[in-house]
Amino acid sequence: MSGRSALTRLTGNGNGECGEKDCPNLYRTATGSFVVQSDVSDAFIPPAGEGLVEIPEAVLREAIRALGW
């Protein structure tokens, strides 16, 4: 992946910076997978190389609308 500019933004209306109150966000990659930008969750400790984020229902609904599903 070559940075956020290579992703299709599905949610949010700002610059994608969590520090600028534009988070969480969902992005789609050129291969059709998804990248989530959000607050880190501590629900459990994931395996090495993985991470957990929390996604509000409203963000998933916005992404589904953006995809036309």
Protein backbone atom coordinates (compact mmCIF):
# COMPACT_ATOMS: atom_id res chain seq x y z
CA MET A 1 0.00 0.00 0.00
CA SER A 2 1.38 3.41 -0.87
CA GLY A 3 -0.47 5.61 1.60
CA ARG A 4 -3.94 6.92 2.21
CA SER A 5 -4.14 8.61 -1.20
CA ALA A 6 -4.25 5.15 -2.81
CA LEU A 7 -7.44 4.32 -0.85
CA THR A 8 -11.07 5.15 -1.60
CA ARG A 9 -12.58 6.90 1.37
CA LEU A 10 -16.09 5.61 2.19
CA THR A 11 -16.88 7.63 5.33
CA GLY A 12 -16.17 10.97 6.94
CA ASN A 13 -16.05 14.41 5.43
CA GLY A 14 -12.71 15.81 6.58
CA ASN A 15 -9.06 15.00 6.14
CA GLY A 16 -9.00 11.59 7.83
CA GLU A 17 -6.93 12.75 10.79
CA CYS A 18 -8.26 11.33 14.07
CA GLY A 19 -6.60 14.21 15.92
CA GLU A 20 -8.77 16.59 13.89
CA LYS A 21 -12.05 14.97 15.04
CA ASP A 22 -12.51 13.15 11.71
CA CYS A 23 -12.45 9.59 12.94
CA PRO A 24 -13.41 6.76 12.67
CA ASN A 25 -13.23 6.21 8.93
CA LEU A 26 -13.47 3.29 6.55
CA TYR A 27 -11.45 3.05 3.33
CA ARG A 28 -11.50 0.57 0.43
CA THR A 29 -8.29 -0.64 -1.22
CA ALA A 30 -7.74 -1.21 -4.93
CA THR A 31 -8.03 -4.95 -4.29
CA GLY A 32 -11.45 -4.55 -2.61
CA SER A 33 -10.42 -5.04 1.01
CA PHE A 34 -11.09 -2.47 3.72
CA VAL A 35 -8.89 -0.36 6.00
CA VAL A 36 -10.31 1.01 9.24
CA GLN A 37 -9.03 4.15 10.96
CA SER A 38 -10.38 4.43 14.49
CA ASP A 39 -9.63 4.41 18.18
CA VAL A 40 -7.69 1.39 19.39
CA SER A 41 -9.79 -1.10 21.34
CA ASP A 42 -8.58 -3.03 24.36
CA ALA A 43 -11.33 -5.68 24.22
CA PHE A 44 -8.66 -8.41 24.09
CA ILE A 45 -5.04 -8.83 23.05
CA PRO A 46 -4.89 -9.76 19.34
CA PRO A 47 -2.23 -11.98 17.79
CA ALA A 48 1.10 -10.41 16.82
CA GLY A 49 0.78 -8.26 13.70
CA GLU A 50 -2.94 -7.58 14.24
CA GLY A 51 -4.83 -4.77 15.94
CA LEU A 52 -8.33 -4.01 17.17
CA VAL A 53 -10.40 -0.92 16.44
CA GLU A 54 -13.96 -0.05 17.42
CA ILE A 55 -16.33 0.97 14.61
CA PRO A 56 -19.62 2.68 15.45
CA GLU A 57 -22.67 1.30 13.65
CA ALA A 58 -23.25 4.67 11.95
CA VAL A 59 -19.84 4.44 10.23
CA LEU A 60 -20.61 0.98 8.83
CA ARG A 61 -24.01 2.17 7.60
CA GLU A 62 -22.37 5.17 5.89
CA ALA A 63 -19.86 2.88 4.16
CA ILE A 64 -22.62 0.53 3.01
CA ARG A 65 -24.51 3.48 1.50
CA ALA A 66 -21.32 4.70 -0.21
CA LEU A 67 -20.86 1.26 -1.80
CA GLY A 68 -24.52 1.09 -2.87
CA TRP A 69 -25.12 -2.17 -1.03
